[in-house]
Amino acid sequence: MSRHDAVDFCKKLTEMEKKAGRVPQGMAYQLPTEAQWEYACRAGTITVYSWGNSIISTNASFGRKGSERTTPGGKYPANPWGFHDMNGNVYEWCADWYG
């Protein structure tokens, strides 16, 4: 999925949910900013990753030593806020970028 596809999905989801009356006026589904994603990913921790300062294959699918293919959502433990797979596996599309 490209970033453009993800943005289009958010727009279509917003339209569909507004028609169903499930999205308050002035609200919309959208990609998170990089800062929002980082905040959700770290889940209130102060370490590099929500589980600590180093990444290992039991925490996330990553790089050449991780899985050679994407993995199903929820395969790895959730962070302290209950979010799964915030690190590794696939690209995390954001509304902006840190640069």
C-alpha atoms as a PDB file:
ATOM      1  CA  MET A   1       0.000   0.000   0.000  1.00  0.00           C
ATOM      2  CA  SER A   2       1.360   3.412  -0.881  1.00  0.00           C
ATOM      3  CA  ARG A   3       1.055   6.534   1.267  1.00  0.00           C
ATOM      4  CA  HIS A   4      -1.354   7.919  -1.336  1.00  0.00           C
ATOM      5  CA  ASP A   5      -3.519   4.778  -0.985  1.00  0.00           C
ATOM      6  CA  ALA A   6      -3.559   5.196   2.798  1.00  0.00           C
ATOM      7  CA  VAL A   7      -4.634   8.859   2.534  1.00  0.00           C
ATOM      8  CA  ASP A   8      -7.378   7.923   0.043  1.00  0.00           C
ATOM      9  CA  PHE A   9      -8.579   5.153   2.385  1.00  0.00           C
ATOM     10  CA  CYS A  10      -8.861   7.660   5.253  1.00  0.00           C
ATOM     11  CA  LYS A  11     -10.903  10.030   3.056  1.00  0.00           C
ATOM     12  CA  LYS A  12     -13.264   7.275   1.904  1.00  0.00           C
ATOM     13  CA  LEU A  13     -13.644   5.920   5.440  1.00  0.00           C
ATOM     14  CA  THR A  14     -14.474   9.424   6.695  1.00  0.00           C
ATOM     15  CA  GLU A  15     -17.133   9.879   3.989  1.00  0.00           C
ATOM     16  CA  MET A  16     -18.678   6.481   4.737  1.00  0.00           C
ATOM     17  CA  GLU A  17     -18.696   6.995   8.510  1.00  0.00           C
ATOM     18  CA  LYS A  18     -20.083  10.555   8.213  1.00  0.00           C
ATOM     19  CA  LYS A  19     -22.982   9.257   6.119  1.00  0.00           C
ATOM     20  CA  ALA A  20     -23.657   6.712   8.867  1.00  0.00           C
ATOM     21  CA  GLY A  21     -23.562   9.488  11.501  1.00  0.00           C
ATOM     22  CA  ARG A  22     -20.545   8.062  13.329  1.00  0.00           C
ATOM     23  CA  VAL A  23     -18.087  10.944  12.823  1.00  0.00           C
ATOM     24  CA  PRO A  24     -18.693  14.236  14.684  1.00  0.00           C
ATOM     25  CA  GLN A  25     -18.790  17.476  12.702  1.00  0.00           C
ATOM     26  CA  GLY A  26     -15.290  18.750  11.942  1.00  0.00           C
ATOM     27  CA  MET A  27     -13.634  15.372  12.604  1.00  0.00           C
ATOM     28  CA  ALA A  28     -12.042  13.037  10.058  1.00  0.00           C
ATOM     29  CA  TYR A  29      -9.963   9.902   9.834  1.00  0.00           C
ATOM     30  CA  GLN A  30      -6.402  10.781   8.886  1.00  0.00           C
ATOM     31  CA  LEU A  31      -2.856   9.521   9.085  1.00  0.00           C
ATOM     32  CA  PRO A  32      -1.155  10.437  12.359  1.00  0.00           C
ATOM     33  CA  THR A  33       1.650  12.976  12.376  1.00  0.00           C
ATOM     34  CA  GLU A  34       5.096  11.537  12.986  1.00  0.00           C
ATOM     35  CA  ALA A  35       4.971  12.951  16.522  1.00  0.00           C
ATOM     36  CA  GLN A  36       1.570  11.325  17.185  1.00  0.00           C
ATOM     37  CA  TRP A  37       2.824   7.995  15.876  1.00  0.00           C
ATOM     38  CA  GLU A  38       5.980   8.211  18.021  1.00  0.00           C
ATOM     39  CA  TYR A  39       3.903   9.057  21.095  1.00  0.00           C
ATOM     40  CA  ALA A  40       1.593   6.069  20.535  1.00  0.00           C
ATOM     41  CA  CYS A  41       4.529   3.799  19.725  1.00  0.00           C
ATOM     42  CA  ARG A  42       6.486   4.619  22.892  1.00  0.00           C
ATOM     43  CA  ALA A  43       3.319   4.425  25.009  1.00  0.00           C
ATOM     44  CA  GLY A  44       4.573   6.641  27.816  1.00  0.00           C
ATOM     45  CA  THR A  45       7.956   4.947  28.142  1.00  0.00           C
ATOM     46  CA  ILE A  46      11.327   6.733  27.994  1.00  0.00           C
ATOM     47  CA  THR A  47      13.308   3.954  26.300  1.00  0.00           C
ATOM     48  CA  VAL A  48      14.109   3.649  22.593  1.00  0.00           C
ATOM     49  CA  TYR A  49      11.324   1.075  22.170  1.00  0.00           C
ATOM     50  CA  SER A  50       8.316   0.575  24.425  1.00  0.00           C
ATOM     51  CA  TRP A  51       9.894  -2.663  25.719  1.00  0.00           C
ATOM     52  CA  GLY A  52      13.473  -1.342  26.219  1.00  0.00           C
ATOM     53  CA  ASN A  53      16.523  -0.034  24.381  1.00  0.00           C
ATOM     54  CA  SER A  54      17.282  -2.884  21.987  1.00  0.00           C
ATOM     55  CA  ILE A  55      15.241  -4.658  19.365  1.00  0.00           C
ATOM     56  CA  ILE A  56      15.139  -8.434  19.100  1.00  0.00           C
ATOM     57  CA  SER A  57      13.135 -10.838  16.946  1.00  0.00           C
ATOM     58  CA  THR A  58      10.684 -11.652  19.749  1.00  0.00           C
ATOM     59  CA  ASN A  59       9.568  -7.981  19.851  1.00  0.00           C
ATOM     60  CA  ALA A  60       9.173  -7.138  16.155  1.00  0.00           C
ATOM     61  CA  SER A  61       9.720  -8.268  12.583  1.00  0.00           C
ATOM     62  CA  PHE A  62      12.623  -6.235  11.235  1.00  0.00           C
ATOM     63  CA  GLY A  63      15.595  -6.230   8.854  1.00  0.00           C
ATOM     64  CA  ARG A  64      17.494  -9.174   7.503  1.00  0.00           C
ATOM     65  CA  LYS A  65      17.416 -11.046  10.816  1.00  0.00           C
ATOM     66  CA  GLY A  66      13.660 -10.684  11.179  1.00  0.00           C
ATOM     67  CA  SER A  67      11.007 -12.345   9.124  1.00  0.00           C
ATOM     68  CA  GLU A  68      11.610 -12.200   5.373  1.00  0.00           C
ATOM     69  CA  ARG A  69       7.902 -11.545   4.912  1.00  0.00           C
ATOM     70  CA  THR A  70       5.348  -9.392   6.628  1.00  0.00           C
ATOM     71  CA  THR A  71       3.697 -10.983   9.629  1.00  0.00           C
ATOM     72  CA  PRO A  72       0.040 -11.011  10.691  1.00  0.00           C
ATOM     73  CA  GLY A  73      -1.076  -8.190  12.966  1.00  0.00           C
ATOM     74  CA  GLY A  74      -0.921  -9.026  16.654  1.00  0.00           C
ATOM     75  CA  LYS A  75       1.882 -11.588  16.355  1.00  0.00           C
ATOM     76  CA  TYR A  76       4.108  -9.643  18.744  1.00  0.00           C
ATOM     77  CA  PRO A  77       3.284  -8.426  22.268  1.00  0.00           C
ATOM     78  CA  ALA A  78       1.327  -5.176  22.621  1.00  0.00           C
ATOM     79  CA  ASN A  79       2.969  -2.045  24.006  1.00  0.00           C
ATOM     80  CA  PRO A  80       1.790  -0.754  27.426  1.00  0.00           C
ATOM     81  CA  TRP A  81      -1.171   1.011  25.777  1.00  0.00           C
ATOM     82  CA  GLY A  82      -2.323  -2.129  23.970  1.00  0.00           C
ATOM     83  CA  PHE A  83      -1.047  -1.271  20.462  1.00  0.00           C
ATOM     84  CA  HIS A  84       0.473  -4.151  18.527  1.00  0.00           C
ATOM     85  CA  ASP A  85       3.184  -4.080  15.843  1.00  0.00           C
ATOM     86  CA  MET A  86       4.173  -0.444  16.199  1.00  0.00           C
ATOM     87  CA  ASN A  87       7.788  -1.289  15.328  1.00  0.00           C
ATOM     88  CA  GLY A  88       8.926  -3.254  12.306  1.00  0.00           C
ATOM     89  CA  ASN A  89       6.951  -5.390   9.858  1.00  0.00           C
ATOM     90  CA  VAL A  90       5.775  -2.704   7.403  1.00  0.00           C
ATOM     91  CA  TYR A  91       6.170   1.033   6.811  1.00  0.00           C
ATOM     92  CA  GLU A  92       4.250   3.305   9.152  1.00  0.00           C
ATOM     93  CA  TRP A  93       2.640   5.953   6.962  1.00  0.00           C
ATOM     94  CA  CYS A  94       2.374   9.364   8.641  1.00  0.00           C
ATOM     95  CA  ALA A  95       0.932  12.719   7.636  1.00  0.00           C
ATOM     96  CA  ASP A  96       4.380  14.335   7.891  1.00  0.00           C
ATOM     97  CA  TRP A  97       7.937  13.270   8.681  1.00  0.00           C
ATOM     98  CA  TYR A  98      10.745  14.006  11.073  1.00  0.00           C
ATOM     99  CA  GLY A  99      13.650  15.558   9.227  1.00  0.00           C
END
